[in-house]
Amino acid sequence: MKKFLMALMTAGLAFGLASCGSESSPYDFSLVNNLGTPLSEVYISESTSEGWGDNLLGTSVLENEKTLDIEFSGAQTATSVFDIAVITNGGTEYQFQSIDLNTANVVTLMMQDNAPVASVQ
């Protein structure tokens, strides 16, 4: 299981919430929270990685029905398949596996039949 406390991701991959004036990456996408509860933590990692990296929200909260634009900076990785983990304000953890960010523009996290799912557009 991946650990939330890992500080670094693999081989120069870094995330930024705002990259003024930089060229967009093919992995940039918008994350929509439709889980019905605010998120206090958001992590993204290559599916092949053992760790999660930093909380992309920092001290912020992603309210329900709000969007977080995620921009990648640094070297492009060998894979475009990533996992997303979120923790709600109530402490519930949800993981979404094997999301191909090369083809995703919007990833919407939601509940269907009492199970967390990610819709990729």
Protein backbone atom coordinates (compact mmCIF):
# COMPACT_ATOMS: atom_id res chain seq x y z
CA MET A 1 0.00 0.00 0.00
CA LYS A 2 1.24 3.44 -0.81
CA LYS A 3 2.24 5.68 2.06
CA PHE A 4 0.89 9.20 2.34
CA LEU A 5 3.99 10.55 4.06
CA MET A 6 6.46 10.16 1.21
CA ALA A 7 7.79 13.58 0.37
CA LEU A 8 9.05 12.98 -3.15
CA MET A 9 7.69 11.29 -6.23
CA THR A 10 9.71 9.50 -8.86
CA ALA A 11 12.33 11.02 -11.16
CA GLY A 12 11.72 14.74 -11.17
CA LEU A 13 7.92 14.72 -11.38
CA ALA A 14 6.55 17.76 -9.61
CA PHE A 15 3.07 19.19 -9.32
CA GLY A 16 2.03 22.82 -9.21
CA LEU A 17 -1.35 24.32 -8.61
CA ALA A 18 -0.50 27.37 -10.68
CA SER A 19 2.25 27.63 -13.28
CA CYS A 20 2.26 31.16 -14.59
CA GLY A 21 3.51 31.39 -18.13
CA SER A 22 4.59 27.77 -18.46
CA GLU A 23 3.66 25.47 -21.30
CA SER A 24 0.97 22.94 -20.44
CA SER A 25 1.76 19.28 -19.95
CA PRO A 26 -0.24 16.50 -21.63
CA TYR A 27 -1.05 15.35 -18.08
CA ASP A 28 -2.68 18.60 -16.90
CA PHE A 29 -6.32 18.07 -15.88
CA SER A 30 -9.14 19.37 -13.73
CA LEU A 31 -10.17 17.35 -10.68
CA VAL A 32 -13.85 17.75 -9.75
CA ASN A 33 -14.99 16.81 -6.24
CA ASN A 34 -18.51 15.36 -6.42
CA LEU A 35 -18.07 12.96 -3.51
CA GLY A 36 -20.59 14.89 -1.41
CA THR A 37 -18.05 16.05 1.18
CA PRO A 38 -15.09 18.47 1.30
CA LEU A 39 -11.61 17.07 0.69
CA SER A 40 -8.74 18.04 2.97
CA GLU A 41 -6.03 16.11 1.10
CA VAL A 42 -5.38 15.16 -2.54
CA TYR A 43 -2.47 13.00 -3.70
CA ILE A 44 -1.43 11.85 -7.17
CA SER A 45 1.18 9.26 -8.00
CA GLU A 46 2.28 7.19 -10.95
CA SER A 47 0.52 3.84 -10.71
CA THR A 48 3.89 2.09 -10.58
CA SER A 49 5.12 4.22 -7.66
CA GLU A 50 5.18 3.06 -4.05
CA GLY A 51 4.59 6.55 -2.63
CA TRP A 52 2.17 9.43 -2.96
CA GLY A 53 4.14 12.63 -2.77
CA ASP A 54 2.85 15.86 -1.28
CA ASN A 55 -0.72 16.85 -0.49
CA LEU A 56 -1.67 19.03 -3.47
CA LEU A 57 -4.13 21.05 -1.39
CA GLY A 58 -1.60 22.13 1.22
CA THR A 59 -3.74 23.77 3.90
CA SER A 60 -6.66 24.41 1.54
CA VAL A 61 -9.91 22.46 1.30
CA LEU A 62 -11.59 21.34 -1.93
CA GLU A 63 -15.29 21.83 -1.28
CA ASN A 64 -17.90 19.53 -2.78
CA GLU A 65 -18.83 20.44 -6.38
CA LYS A 66 -15.61 22.48 -6.76
CA THR A 67 -12.74 21.98 -9.19
CA LEU A 68 -8.98 21.85 -8.67
CA ASP A 69 -6.86 22.52 -11.77
CA ILE A 70 -3.74 20.37 -11.61
CA GLU A 71 -0.72 21.30 -13.70
CA PHE A 72 2.36 19.12 -13.98
CA SER A 73 5.81 20.59 -14.24
CA GLY A 74 9.16 18.90 -14.68
CA ALA A 75 10.16 16.03 -16.89
CA GLN A 76 7.48 13.93 -18.57
CA THR A 77 7.35 10.47 -17.06
CA ALA A 78 7.54 7.11 -18.81
CA THR A 79 3.90 6.40 -18.00
CA SER A 80 0.73 8.43 -18.20
CA VAL A 81 -1.20 6.16 -15.82
CA PHE A 82 -1.68 7.60 -12.35
CA ASP A 83 -3.50 6.85 -9.11
CA ILE A 84 -5.38 9.48 -7.10
CA ALA A 85 -5.97 9.33 -3.35
CA VAL A 86 -8.12 11.75 -1.40
CA ILE A 87 -8.97 12.19 2.26
CA THR A 88 -12.21 13.85 3.29
CA ASN A 89 -12.52 16.37 6.11
CA GLY A 90 -14.03 13.49 8.11
CA GLY A 91 -10.90 11.36 7.58
CA THR A 92 -12.27 8.88 5.03
CA GLU A 93 -9.73 7.82 2.41
CA TYR A 94 -10.68 6.99 -1.18
CA GLN A 95 -8.32 5.72 -3.87
CA PHE A 96 -8.85 5.79 -7.62
CA GLN A 97 -6.54 3.52 -9.60
CA SER A 98 -5.05 3.51 -13.10
CA ILE A 99 -6.28 6.80 -14.53
CA ASP A 100 -4.69 7.60 -17.91
CA LEU A 101 -3.95 11.31 -17.69
CA ASN A 102 -2.75 11.41 -21.30
CA THR A 103 -6.39 11.18 -22.40
CA ALA A 104 -8.05 12.92 -19.43
CA ASN A 105 -9.06 16.56 -19.35
CA VAL A 106 -11.48 16.28 -16.43
CA VAL A 107 -11.54 13.65 -13.68
CA THR A 108 -14.71 13.73 -11.60
CA LEU A 109 -14.70 11.89 -8.28
CA MET A 110 -18.16 10.73 -7.21
CA MET A 111 -20.13 8.06 -5.40
CA GLN A 112 -22.14 5.45 -7.34
CA ASP A 113 -24.03 2.72 -5.50
CA ASN A 114 -22.18 3.70 -2.28
CA ALA A 115 -18.78 3.17 -3.93
CA PRO A 116 -16.25 5.82 -5.00
CA VAL A 117 -15.68 6.06 -8.77
CA ALA A 118 -13.72 8.34 -11.06
CA SER A 119 -15.31 9.50 -14.31
CA VAL A 120 -12.71 10.48 -16.91
CA GLN A 121 -13.49 12.86 -19.76
